Amino acid sequence: MITTDFITPIQIPQSLGSITSAQKAEQTEGGSLFKDIFGNMIGNVQEAEENLAQQQYMLATGQIDDVHTLGVAASEAQLAIDMLVQMRNKAVEAYNELMRITL
């Protein structure tokens, strides 16, 4: 029997297009949306890193028999970091573009 309980999906960041008008009204400052998106992304990275550390510990102590869970956890952690870095790069690019427009 194959179980998939050990795989936790990476949460997709909330896109700007899916924000309802009620959510826009709740956010009085434009920075809070930005803060929420990046806060969630950082939380995903921390969760993935903690999961990887837990899987490494469990493998080292012999508590798990299937080695592939460690590889899955490592890949998940790497993907979470890559996604955060790409989001940061896009935010920096957008900021630089806005600065060019204002000059």
PDB file of N, CA and C in Angstrom:
ATOM      1  N   MET A   1       0.839  -1.178   0.000  1.00  0.00           N
ATOM      2  CA  MET A   1       0.000   0.000   0.000  1.00  0.00           C
ATOM      3  C   MET A   1       0.888   1.246   0.000  1.00  0.00           C
ATOM      4  N   ILE A   2       0.627   2.150  -0.902  1.00  0.00           N
ATOM      5  CA  ILE A   2       1.398   3.387  -1.016  1.00  0.00           C
ATOM      6  C   ILE A   2       0.646   4.498  -0.304  1.00  0.00           C
ATOM      7  N   THR A   3       1.340   5.181   0.598  1.00  0.00           N
ATOM      8  CA  THR A   3       0.729   6.316   1.286  1.00  0.00           C
ATOM      9  C   THR A   3       1.396   7.598   0.828  1.00  0.00           C
ATOM     10  N   THR A   4       0.626   8.637   0.737  1.00  0.00           N
ATOM     11  CA  THR A   4       1.153   9.938   0.331  1.00  0.00           C
ATOM     12  C   THR A   4       0.965  10.964   1.440  1.00  0.00           C
ATOM     13  N   ASP A   5       0.884  10.500   2.677  1.00  0.00           N
ATOM     14  CA  ASP A   5       0.677  11.411   3.797  1.00  0.00           C
ATOM     15  C   ASP A   5       1.892  12.293   4.065  1.00  0.00           C
ATOM     16  N   PHE A   6       3.062  11.850   3.637  1.00  0.00           N
ATOM     17  CA  PHE A   6       4.270  12.613   3.929  1.00  0.00           C
ATOM     18  C   PHE A   6       4.469  13.782   2.978  1.00  0.00           C
ATOM     19  N   ILE A   7       3.734  13.844   1.892  1.00  0.00           N
ATOM     20  CA  ILE A   7       3.888  14.932   0.929  1.00  0.00           C
ATOM     21  C   ILE A   7       2.914  16.051   1.289  1.00  0.00           C
ATOM     22  N   THR A   8       3.462  17.206   1.590  1.00  0.00           N
ATOM     23  CA  THR A   8       2.625  18.362   1.877  1.00  0.00           C
ATOM     24  C   THR A   8       2.770  19.337   0.714  1.00  0.00           C
ATOM     25  N   PRO A   9       1.670  19.759   0.131  1.00  0.00           N
ATOM     26  CA  PRO A   9       1.770  20.646  -1.035  1.00  0.00           C
ATOM     27  C   PRO A   9       2.280  22.023  -0.650  1.00  0.00           C
ATOM     28  N   ILE A  10       3.036  22.618  -1.555  1.00  0.00           N
ATOM     29  CA  ILE A  10       3.490  23.987  -1.374  1.00  0.00           C
ATOM     30  C   ILE A  10       2.318  24.894  -1.667  1.00  0.00           C
ATOM     31  N   GLN A  11       2.089  25.850  -0.796  1.00  0.00           N
ATOM     32  CA  GLN A  11       0.960  26.747  -0.980  1.00  0.00           C
ATOM     33  C   GLN A  11       1.292  27.752  -2.072  1.00  0.00           C
ATOM     34  N   ILE A  12       0.367  27.889  -2.994  1.00  0.00           N
ATOM     35  CA  ILE A  12       0.538  28.837  -4.084  1.00  0.00           C
ATOM     36  C   ILE A  12       0.234  30.233  -3.540  1.00  0.00           C
ATOM     37  N   PRO A  13       1.121  31.188  -3.787  1.00  0.00           N
ATOM     38  CA  PRO A  13       0.858  32.528  -3.292  1.00  0.00           C
ATOM     39  C   PRO A  13      -0.401  33.115  -3.914  1.00  0.00           C
ATOM     40  N   GLN A  14      -1.089  33.894  -3.130  1.00  0.00           N
ATOM     41  CA  GLN A  14      -2.332  34.497  -3.594  1.00  0.00           C
ATOM     42  C   GLN A  14      -2.019  35.496  -4.700  1.00  0.00           C
ATOM     43  N   SER A  15      -2.639  35.323  -5.843  1.00  0.00           N
ATOM     44  CA  SER A  15      -2.369  36.230  -6.949  1.00  0.00           C
ATOM     45  C   SER A  15      -3.133  37.534  -6.747  1.00  0.00           C
ATOM     46  N   LEU A  16      -2.620  38.567  -7.327  1.00  0.00           N
ATOM     47  CA  LEU A  16      -3.247  39.868  -7.185  1.00  0.00           C
ATOM     48  C   LEU A  16      -4.613  39.910  -7.852  1.00  0.00           C
ATOM     49  N   GLY A  17      -4.805  39.109  -8.887  1.00  0.00           N
ATOM     50  CA  GLY A  17      -6.072  39.112  -9.607  1.00  0.00           C
ATOM     51  C   GLY A  17      -7.203  38.458  -8.844  1.00  0.00           C
ATOM     52  N   SER A  18      -6.879  37.580  -7.898  1.00  0.00           N
ATOM     53  CA  SER A  18      -7.924  36.859  -7.175  1.00  0.00           C
ATOM     54  C   SER A  18      -8.366  37.569  -5.898  1.00  0.00           C
ATOM     55  N   ILE A  19      -7.864  38.751  -5.662  1.00  0.00           N
ATOM     56  CA  ILE A  19      -8.227  39.491  -4.459  1.00  0.00           C
ATOM     57  C   ILE A  19      -9.582  40.160  -4.678  1.00  0.00           C
ATOM     58  N   THR A  20     -10.484  39.931  -3.768  1.00  0.00           N
ATOM     59  CA  THR A  20     -11.821  40.497  -3.887  1.00  0.00           C
ATOM     60  C   THR A  20     -11.814  41.954  -3.439  1.00  0.00           C
ATOM     61  N   SER A  21     -12.858  42.647  -3.774  1.00  0.00           N
ATOM     62  CA  SER A  21     -12.944  44.052  -3.376  1.00  0.00           C
ATOM     63  C   SER A  21     -13.057  44.189  -1.859  1.00  0.00           C
ATOM     64  N   ALA A  22     -13.660  43.203  -1.193  1.00  0.00           N
ATOM     65  CA  ALA A  22     -13.742  43.243   0.271  1.00  0.00           C
ATOM     66  C   ALA A  22     -12.357  43.142   0.885  1.00  0.00           C
ATOM     67  N   GLN A  23     -11.502  42.301   0.299  1.00  0.00           N
ATOM     68  CA  GLN A  23     -10.141  42.192   0.807  1.00  0.00           C
ATOM     69  C   GLN A  23      -9.361  43.473   0.543  1.00  0.00           C
ATOM     70  N   LYS A  24      -9.632  44.100  -0.596  1.00  0.00           N
ATOM     71  CA  LYS A  24      -8.957  45.362  -0.892  1.00  0.00           C
ATOM     72  C   LYS A  24      -9.384  46.441   0.095  1.00  0.00           C
ATOM     73  N   ALA A  25     -10.651  46.440   0.474  1.00  0.00           N
ATOM     74  CA  ALA A  25     -11.138  47.439   1.410  1.00  0.00           C
ATOM     75  C   ALA A  25     -10.550  47.225   2.795  1.00  0.00           C
ATOM     76  N   GLU A  26     -10.283  45.970   3.160  1.00  0.00           N
ATOM     77  CA  GLU A  26      -9.702  45.677   4.465  1.00  0.00           C
ATOM     78  C   GLU A  26      -8.275  46.180   4.560  1.00  0.00           C
ATOM     79  N   GLN A  27      -7.576  46.203   3.460  1.00  0.00           N
ATOM     80  CA  GLN A  27      -6.172  46.596   3.468  1.00  0.00           C
ATOM     81  C   GLN A  27      -6.069  48.085   3.189  1.00  0.00           C
ATOM     82  N   THR A  28      -5.763  48.846   4.221  1.00  0.00           N
ATOM     83  CA  THR A  28      -5.697  50.289   4.065  1.00  0.00           C
ATOM     84  C   THR A  28      -4.381  50.726   3.449  1.00  0.00           C
ATOM     85  N   GLU A  29      -3.335  49.967   3.656  1.00  0.00           N
ATOM     86  CA  GLU A  29      -2.039  50.308   3.104  1.00  0.00           C
ATOM     87  C   GLU A  29      -1.698  49.324   2.002  1.00  0.00           C
ATOM     88  N   GLY A  30      -1.065  49.806   0.946  1.00  0.00           N
ATOM     89  CA  GLY A  30      -0.669  48.926  -0.144  1.00  0.00           C
ATOM     90  C   GLY A  30       0.398  47.942   0.268  1.00  0.00           C
ATOM     91  N   GLY A  31       1.182  48.277   1.287  1.00  0.00           N
ATOM     92  CA  GLY A  31       2.265  47.405   1.729  1.00  0.00           C
ATOM     93  C   GLY A  31       1.794  46.159   2.432  1.00  0.00           C
ATOM     94  N   SER A  32       0.580  46.147   2.943  1.00  0.00           N
ATOM     95  CA  SER A  32       0.138  44.975   3.695  1.00  0.00           C
ATOM     96  C   SER A  32      -0.074  43.769   2.776  1.00  0.00           C
ATOM     97  N   LEU A  33      -0.538  43.982   1.566  1.00  0.00           N
ATOM     98  CA  LEU A  33      -0.693  42.882   0.620  1.00  0.00           C
ATOM     99  C   LEU A  33       0.674  42.304   0.275  1.00  0.00           C
ATOM    100  N   PHE A  34       1.603  43.164   0.002  1.00  0.00           N
ATOM    101  CA  PHE A  34       2.976  42.753  -0.296  1.00  0.00           C
ATOM    102  C   PHE A  34       3.552  41.980   0.887  1.00  0.00           C
ATOM    103  N   LYS A  35       3.334  42.504   2.062  1.00  0.00           N
ATOM    104  CA  LYS A  35       3.829  41.864   3.286  1.00  0.00           C
ATOM    105  C   LYS A  35       3.206  40.489   3.474  1.00  0.00           C
ATOM    106  N   ASP A  36       1.913  40.354   3.225  1.00  0.00           N
ATOM    107  CA  ASP A  36       1.223  39.076   3.386  1.00  0.00           C
ATOM    108  C   ASP A  36       1.744  38.031   2.405  1.00  0.00           C
ATOM    109  N   ILE A  37       1.916  38.429   1.165  1.00  0.00           N
ATOM    110  CA  ILE A  37       2.391  37.481   0.147  1.00  0.00           C
ATOM    111  C   ILE A  37       3.786  36.981   0.506  1.00  0.00           C
ATOM    112  N   PHE A  38       4.685  37.902   0.814  1.00  0.00           N
ATOM    113  CA  PHE A  38       6.048  37.478   1.129  1.00  0.00           C
ATOM    114  C   PHE A  38       6.127  36.790   2.487  1.00  0.00           C
ATOM    115  N   GLY A  39       5.268  37.162   3.416  1.00  0.00           N
ATOM    116  CA  GLY A  39       5.215  36.463   4.704  1.00  0.00           C
ATOM    117  C   GLY A  39       4.820  35.007   4.528  1.00  0.00           C
ATOM    118  N   ASN A  40       3.837  34.765   3.657  1.00  0.00           N
ATOM    119  CA  ASN A  40       3.422  33.392   3.368  1.00  0.00           C
ATOM    120  C   ASN A  40       4.533  32.612   2.680  1.00  0.00           C
ATOM    121  N   MET A  41       5.218  33.261   1.757  1.00  0.00           N
ATOM    122  CA  MET A  41       6.308  32.586   1.045  1.00  0.00           C
ATOM    123  C   MET A  41       7.444  32.222   2.005  1.00  0.00           C
ATOM    124  N   ILE A  42       7.780  33.128   2.906  1.00  0.00           N
ATOM    125  CA  ILE A  42       8.831  32.851   3.889  1.00  0.00           C
ATOM    126  C   ILE A  42       8.389  31.737   4.830  1.00  0.00           C
ATOM    127  N   GLY A  43       7.120  31.741   5.198  1.00  0.00           N
ATOM    128  CA  GLY A  43       6.586  30.666   6.035  1.00  0.00           C
ATOM    129  C   GLY A  43       6.678  29.315   5.341  1.00  0.00           C
ATOM    130  N   ASN A  44       6.408  29.286   4.029  1.00  0.00           N
ATOM    131  CA  ASN A  44       6.542  28.041   3.263  1.00  0.00           C
ATOM    132  C   ASN A  44       7.983  27.534   3.270  1.00  0.00           C
ATOM    133  N   VAL A  45       8.935  28.448   3.133  1.00  0.00           N
ATOM    134  CA  VAL A  45      10.345  28.056   3.150  1.00  0.00           C
ATOM    135  C   VAL A  45      10.718  27.498   4.519  1.00  0.00           C
ATOM    136  N   GLN A  46      10.270  28.157   5.575  1.00  0.00           N
ATOM    137  CA  GLN A  46      10.587  27.677   6.918  1.00  0.00           C
ATOM    138  C   GLN A  46       9.973  26.310   7.184  1.00  0.00           C
ATOM    139  N   GLU A  47       8.727  26.112   6.764  1.00  0.00           N
ATOM    140  CA  GLU A  47       8.079  24.807   6.932  1.00  0.00           C
ATOM    141  C   GLU A  47       8.825  23.718   6.178  1.00  0.00           C
ATOM    142  N   ALA A  48       9.223  24.011   4.953  1.00  0.00           N
ATOM    143  CA  ALA A  48       9.930  23.024   4.144  1.00  0.00           C
ATOM    144  C   ALA A  48      11.284  22.682   4.757  1.00  0.00           C
ATOM    145  N   GLU A  49      11.979  23.683   5.275  1.00  0.00           N
ATOM    146  CA  GLU A  49      13.269  23.438   5.916  1.00  0.00           C
ATOM    147  C   GLU A  49      13.108  22.612   7.188  1.00  0.00           C
ATOM    148  N   GLU A  50      12.075  22.910   7.969  1.00  0.00           N
ATOM    149  CA  GLU A  50      11.818  22.135   9.185  1.00  0.00           C
ATOM    150  C   GLU A  50      11.461  20.691   8.844  1.00  0.00           C
ATOM    151  N   ASN A  51      10.659  20.499   7.793  1.00  0.00           N
ATOM    152  CA  ASN A  51      10.294  19.161   7.359  1.00  0.00           C
ATOM    153  C   ASN A  51      11.534  18.388   6.911  1.00  0.00           C
ATOM    154  N   LEU A  52      12.423  19.049   6.185  1.00  0.00           N
ATOM    155  CA  LEU A  52      13.653  18.412   5.739  1.00  0.00           C
ATOM    156  C   LEU A  52      14.506  18.004   6.931  1.00  0.00           C
ATOM    157  N   ALA A  53      14.656  18.889   7.899  1.00  0.00           N
ATOM    158  CA  ALA A  53      15.449  18.567   9.089  1.00  0.00           C
ATOM    159  C   ALA A  53      14.843  17.388   9.849  1.00  0.00           C
ATOM    160  N   GLN A  54      13.521  17.366   9.939  1.00  0.00           N
ATOM    161  CA  GLN A  54      12.835  16.266  10.626  1.00  0.00           C
ATOM    162  C   GLN A  54      13.056  14.949   9.881  1.00  0.00           C
ATOM    163  N   GLN A  55      12.957  14.976   8.555  1.00  0.00           N
ATOM    164  CA  GLN A  55      13.171  13.768   7.766  1.00  0.00           C
ATOM    165  C   GLN A  55      14.618  13.275   7.884  1.00  0.00           C
ATOM    166  N   GLN A  56      15.575  14.204   7.903  1.00  0.00           N
ATOM    167  CA  GLN A  56      16.977  13.824   8.070  1.00  0.00           C
ATOM    168  C   GLN A  56      17.197  13.175   9.429  1.00  0.00           C
ATOM    169  N   TYR A  57      16.604  13.739  10.463  1.00  0.00           N
ATOM    170  CA  TYR A  57      16.726  13.185  11.805  1.00  0.00           C
ATOM    171  C   TYR A  57      16.114  11.790  11.867  1.00  0.00           C
ATOM    172  N   MET A  58      14.917  11.652  11.298  1.00  0.00           N
ATOM    173  CA  MET A  58      14.235  10.359  11.334  1.00  0.00           C
ATOM    174  C   MET A  58      15.020   9.294  10.565  1.00  0.00           C
ATOM    175  N   LEU A  59      15.633   9.675   9.454  1.00  0.00           N
ATOM    176  CA  LEU A  59      16.438   8.719   8.692  1.00  0.00           C
ATOM    177  C   LEU A  59      17.698   8.345   9.469  1.00  0.00           C
ATOM    178  N   ALA A  60      18.333   9.331  10.092  1.00  0.00           N
ATOM    179  CA  ALA A  60      19.562   9.068  10.844  1.00  0.00           C
ATOM    180  C   ALA A  60      19.313   8.184  12.059  1.00  0.00           C
ATOM    181  N   THR A  61      18.141   8.288  12.660  1.00  0.00           N
ATOM    182  CA  THR A  61      17.830   7.484  13.839  1.00  0.00           C
ATOM    183  C   THR A  61      17.140   6.178  13.487  1.00  0.00           C
ATOM    184  N   GLY A  62      16.905   5.949  12.197  1.00  0.00           N
ATOM    185  CA  GLY A  62      16.305   4.698  11.763  1.00  0.00           C
ATOM    186  C   GLY A  62      14.808   4.616  11.956  1.00  0.00           C
ATOM    187  N   GLN A  63      14.144   5.735  12.079  1.00  0.00           N
ATOM    188  CA  GLN A  63      12.702   5.746  12.297  1.00  0.00           C
ATOM    189  C   GLN A  63      11.908   5.620  11.005  1.00  0.00           C
ATOM    190  N   ILE A  64      12.553   5.845   9.859  1.00  0.00           N
ATOM    191  CA  ILE A  64      11.864   5.662   8.581  1.00  0.00           C
ATOM    192  C   ILE A  64      12.657   4.661   7.740  1.00  0.00           C
ATOM    193  N   ASP A  65      11.936   3.903   6.969  1.00  0.00           N
ATOM    194  CA  ASP A  65      12.573   2.883   6.144  1.00  0.00           C
ATOM    195  C   ASP A  65      12.745   3.331   4.698  1.00  0.00           C
ATOM    196  N   ASP A  66      11.891   4.225   4.243  1.00  0.00           N
ATOM    197  CA  ASP A  66      11.940   4.652   2.856  1.00  0.00           C
ATOM    198  C   ASP A  66      12.780   5.918   2.704  1.00  0.00           C
ATOM    199  N   VAL A  67      13.894   5.759   2.015  1.00  0.00           N
ATOM    200  CA  VAL A  67      14.856   6.851   1.864  1.00  0.00           C
ATOM    201  C   VAL A  67      14.323   7.939   0.945  1.00  0.00           C
ATOM    202  N   HIS A  68      13.391   7.602   0.072  1.00  0.00           N
ATOM    203  CA  HIS A  68      12.916   8.580  -0.906  1.00  0.00           C
ATOM    204  C   HIS A  68      12.190   9.750  -0.255  1.00  0.00           C
ATOM    205  N   THR A  69      11.688   9.592   0.962  1.00  0.00           N
ATOM    206  CA  THR A  69      11.019  10.724   1.618  1.00  0.00           C
ATOM    207  C   THR A  69      11.999  11.859   1.898  1.00  0.00           C
ATOM    208  N   LEU A  70      13.246  11.518   2.144  1.00  0.00           N
ATOM    209  CA  LEU A  70      14.264  12.541   2.344  1.00  0.00           C
ATOM    210  C   LEU A  70      14.511  13.316   1.052  1.00  0.00           C
ATOM    211  N   GLY A  71      14.564  12.614  -0.059  1.00  0.00           N
ATOM    212  CA  GLY A  71      14.737  13.284  -1.353  1.00  0.00           C
ATOM    213  C   GLY A  71      13.568  14.181  -1.697  1.00  0.00           C
ATOM    214  N   VAL A  72      12.365  13.717  -1.383  1.00  0.00           N
ATOM    215  CA  VAL A  72      11.172  14.528  -1.632  1.00  0.00           C
ATOM    216  C   VAL A  72      11.210  15.786  -0.773  1.00  0.00           C
ATOM    217  N   ALA A  73      11.572  15.634   0.496  1.00  0.00           N
ATOM    218  CA  ALA A  73      11.636  16.789   1.399  1.00  0.00           C
ATOM    219  C   ALA A  73      12.716  17.771   0.951  1.00  0.00           C
ATOM    220  N   ALA A  74      13.850  17.258   0.485  1.00  0.00           N
ATOM    221  CA  ALA A  74      14.924  18.135   0.000  1.00  0.00           C
ATOM    222  C   ALA A  74      14.488  18.886  -1.253  1.00  0.00           C
ATOM    223  N   SER A  75      13.801  18.197  -2.155  1.00  0.00           N
ATOM    224  CA  SER A  75      13.314  18.858  -3.372  1.00  0.00           C
ATOM    225  C   SER A  75      12.269  19.913  -3.047  1.00  0.00           C
ATOM    226  N   GLU A  76      11.391  19.600  -2.100  1.00  0.00           N
ATOM    227  CA  GLU A  76      10.365  20.560  -1.692  1.00  0.00           C
ATOM    228  C   GLU A  76      10.998  21.808  -1.090  1.00  0.00           C
ATOM    229  N   ALA A  77      12.013  21.618  -0.251  1.00  0.00           N
ATOM    230  CA  ALA A  77      12.692  22.759   0.356  1.00  0.00           C
ATOM    231  C   ALA A  77      13.391  23.608  -0.705  1.00  0.00           C
ATOM    232  N   GLN A  78      14.041  22.955  -1.661  1.00  0.00           N
ATOM    233  CA  GLN A  78      14.724  23.693  -2.722  1.00  0.00           C
ATOM    234  C   GLN A  78      13.737  24.462  -3.594  1.00  0.00           C
ATOM    235  N   LEU A  79      12.611  23.850  -3.914  1.00  0.00           N
ATOM    236  CA  LEU A  79      11.600  24.530  -4.721  1.00  0.00           C
ATOM    237  C   LEU A  79      11.013  25.733  -3.985  1.00  0.00           C
ATOM    238  N   ALA A  80      10.797  25.596  -2.694  1.00  0.00           N
ATOM    239  CA  ALA A  80      10.264  26.711  -1.910  1.00  0.00           C
ATOM    240  C   ALA A  80      11.244  27.876  -1.908  1.00  0.00           C
ATOM    241  N   ILE A  81      12.521  27.577  -1.762  1.00  0.00           N
ATOM    242  CA  ILE A  81      13.544  28.634  -1.782  1.00  0.00           C
ATOM    243  C   ILE A  81      13.614  29.277  -3.163  1.00  0.00           C
ATOM    244  N   ASP A  82      13.601  28.449  -4.206  1.00  0.00           N
ATOM    245  CA  ASP A  82      13.656  28.980  -5.568  1.00  0.00           C
ATOM    246  C   ASP A  82      12.461  29.887  -5.865  1.00  0.00           C
ATOM    247  N   MET A  83      11.284  29.490  -5.402  1.00  0.00           N
ATOM    248  CA  MET A  83      10.092  30.292  -5.644  1.00  0.00           C
ATOM    249  C   MET A  83      10.192  31.637  -4.911  1.00  0.00           C
ATOM    250  N   LEU A  84      10.689  31.613  -3.681  1.00  0.00           N
ATOM    251  CA  LEU A  84      10.855  32.852  -2.919  1.00  0.00           C
ATOM    252  C   LEU A  84      11.864  33.779  -3.595  1.00  0.00           C
ATOM    253  N   VAL A  85      12.959  33.219  -4.063  1.00  0.00           N
ATOM    254  CA  VAL A  85      13.983  34.029  -4.729  1.00  0.00           C
ATOM    255  C   VAL A  85      13.429  34.642  -6.011  1.00  0.00           C
ATOM    256  N   GLN A  86      12.670  33.869  -6.785  1.00  0.00           N
ATOM    257  CA  GLN A  86      12.091  34.394  -8.020  1.00  0.00           C
ATOM    258  C   GLN A  86      11.080  35.504  -7.740  1.00  0.00           C
ATOM    259  N   MET A  87      10.280  35.330  -6.684  1.00  0.00           N
ATOM    260  CA  MET A  87       9.327  36.385  -6.315  1.00  0.00           C
ATOM    261  C   MET A  87      10.070  37.655  -5.905  1.00  0.00           C
ATOM    262  N   ARG A  88      11.158  37.497  -5.169  1.00  0.00           N
ATOM    263  CA  ARG A  88      11.956  38.653  -4.773  1.00  0.00           C
ATOM    264  C   ARG A  88      12.549  39.332  -5.998  1.00  0.00           C
ATOM    265  N   ASN A  89      13.064  38.542  -6.932  1.00  0.00           N
ATOM    266  CA  ASN A  89      13.643  39.114  -8.146  1.00  0.00           C
ATOM    267  C   ASN A  89      12.605  39.898  -8.941  1.00  0.00           C
ATOM    268  N   LYS A  90      11.401  39.353  -9.047  1.00  0.00           N
ATOM    269  CA  LYS A  90      10.337  40.048  -9.777  1.00  0.00           C
ATOM    270  C   LYS A  90       9.936  41.335  -9.065  1.00  0.00           C
ATOM    271  N   ALA A  91       9.905  41.309  -7.745  1.00  0.00           N
ATOM    272  CA  ALA A  91       9.566  42.517  -6.990  1.00  0.00           C
ATOM    273  C   ALA A  91      10.637  43.593  -7.193  1.00  0.00           C
ATOM    274  N   VAL A  92      11.893  43.195  -7.199  1.00  0.00           N
ATOM    275  CA  VAL A  92      12.980  44.155  -7.422  1.00  0.00           C
ATOM    276  C   VAL A  92      12.913  44.710  -8.842  1.00  0.00           C
ATOM    277  N   GLU A  93      12.634  43.850  -9.817  1.00  0.00           N
ATOM    278  CA  GLU A  93      12.491  44.313 -11.198  1.00  0.00           C
ATOM    279  C   GLU A  93      11.346  45.310 -11.330  1.00  0.00           C
ATOM    280  N   ALA A  94      10.228  45.033 -10.682  1.00  0.00           N
ATOM    281  CA  ALA A  94       9.075  45.935 -10.732  1.00  0.00           C
ATOM    282  C   ALA A  94       9.416  47.270 -10.079  1.00  0.00           C
ATOM    283  N   TYR A  95      10.113  47.236  -8.956  1.00  0.00           N
ATOM    284  CA  TYR A  95      10.519  48.462  -8.280  1.00  0.00           C
ATOM    285  C   TYR A  95      11.451  49.279  -9.177  1.00  0.00           C
ATOM    286  N   ASN A  96      12.422  48.624  -9.773  1.00  0.00           N
ATOM    287  CA  ASN A  96      13.350  49.335 -10.662  1.00  0.00           C
ATOM    288  C   ASN A  96      12.625  49.942 -11.861  1.00  0.00           C
ATOM    289  N   GLU A  97      11.654  49.222 -12.390  1.00  0.00           N
ATOM    290  CA  GLU A  97      10.878  49.751 -13.514  1.00  0.00           C
ATOM    291  C   GLU A  97      10.079  50.983 -13.098  1.00  0.00           C
ATOM    292  N   LEU A  98       9.494  50.932 -11.919  1.00  0.00           N
ATOM    293  CA  LEU A  98       8.768  52.103 -11.419  1.00  0.00           C
ATOM    294  C   LEU A  98       9.700  53.300 -11.202  1.00  0.00           C
ATOM    295  N   MET A  99      10.894  53.030 -10.729  1.00  0.00           N
ATOM    296  CA  MET A  99      11.844  54.119 -10.528  1.00  0.00           C
ATOM    297  C   MET A  99      12.269  54.734 -11.858  1.00  0.00           C
ATOM    298  N   ARG A 100      12.387  53.926 -12.895  1.00  0.00           N
ATOM    299  CA  ARG A 100      12.734  54.450 -14.222  1.00  0.00           C
ATOM    300  C   ARG A 100      11.605  55.303 -14.784  1.00  0.00           C
ATOM    301  N   ILE A 101      10.353  54.902 -14.503  1.00  0.00           N
ATOM    302  CA  ILE A 101       9.223  55.652 -15.004  1.00  0.00           C
ATOM    303  C   ILE A 101       9.144  57.028 -14.358  1.00  0.00           C
ATOM    304  N   THR A 102       9.436  57.104 -13.075  1.00  0.00           N
ATOM    305  CA  THR A 102       9.328  58.366 -12.353  1.00  0.00           C
ATOM    306  C   THR A 102      10.447  59.337 -12.657  1.00  0.00           C
ATOM    307  N   LEU A 103      11.537  58.855 -13.265  1.00  0.00           N
ATOM    308  CA  LEU A 103      12.656  59.755 -13.563  1.00  0.00           C
ATOM    309  C   LEU A 103      12.445  60.502 -14.803  1.00  0.00           C
TER     310      LEU A 103
END
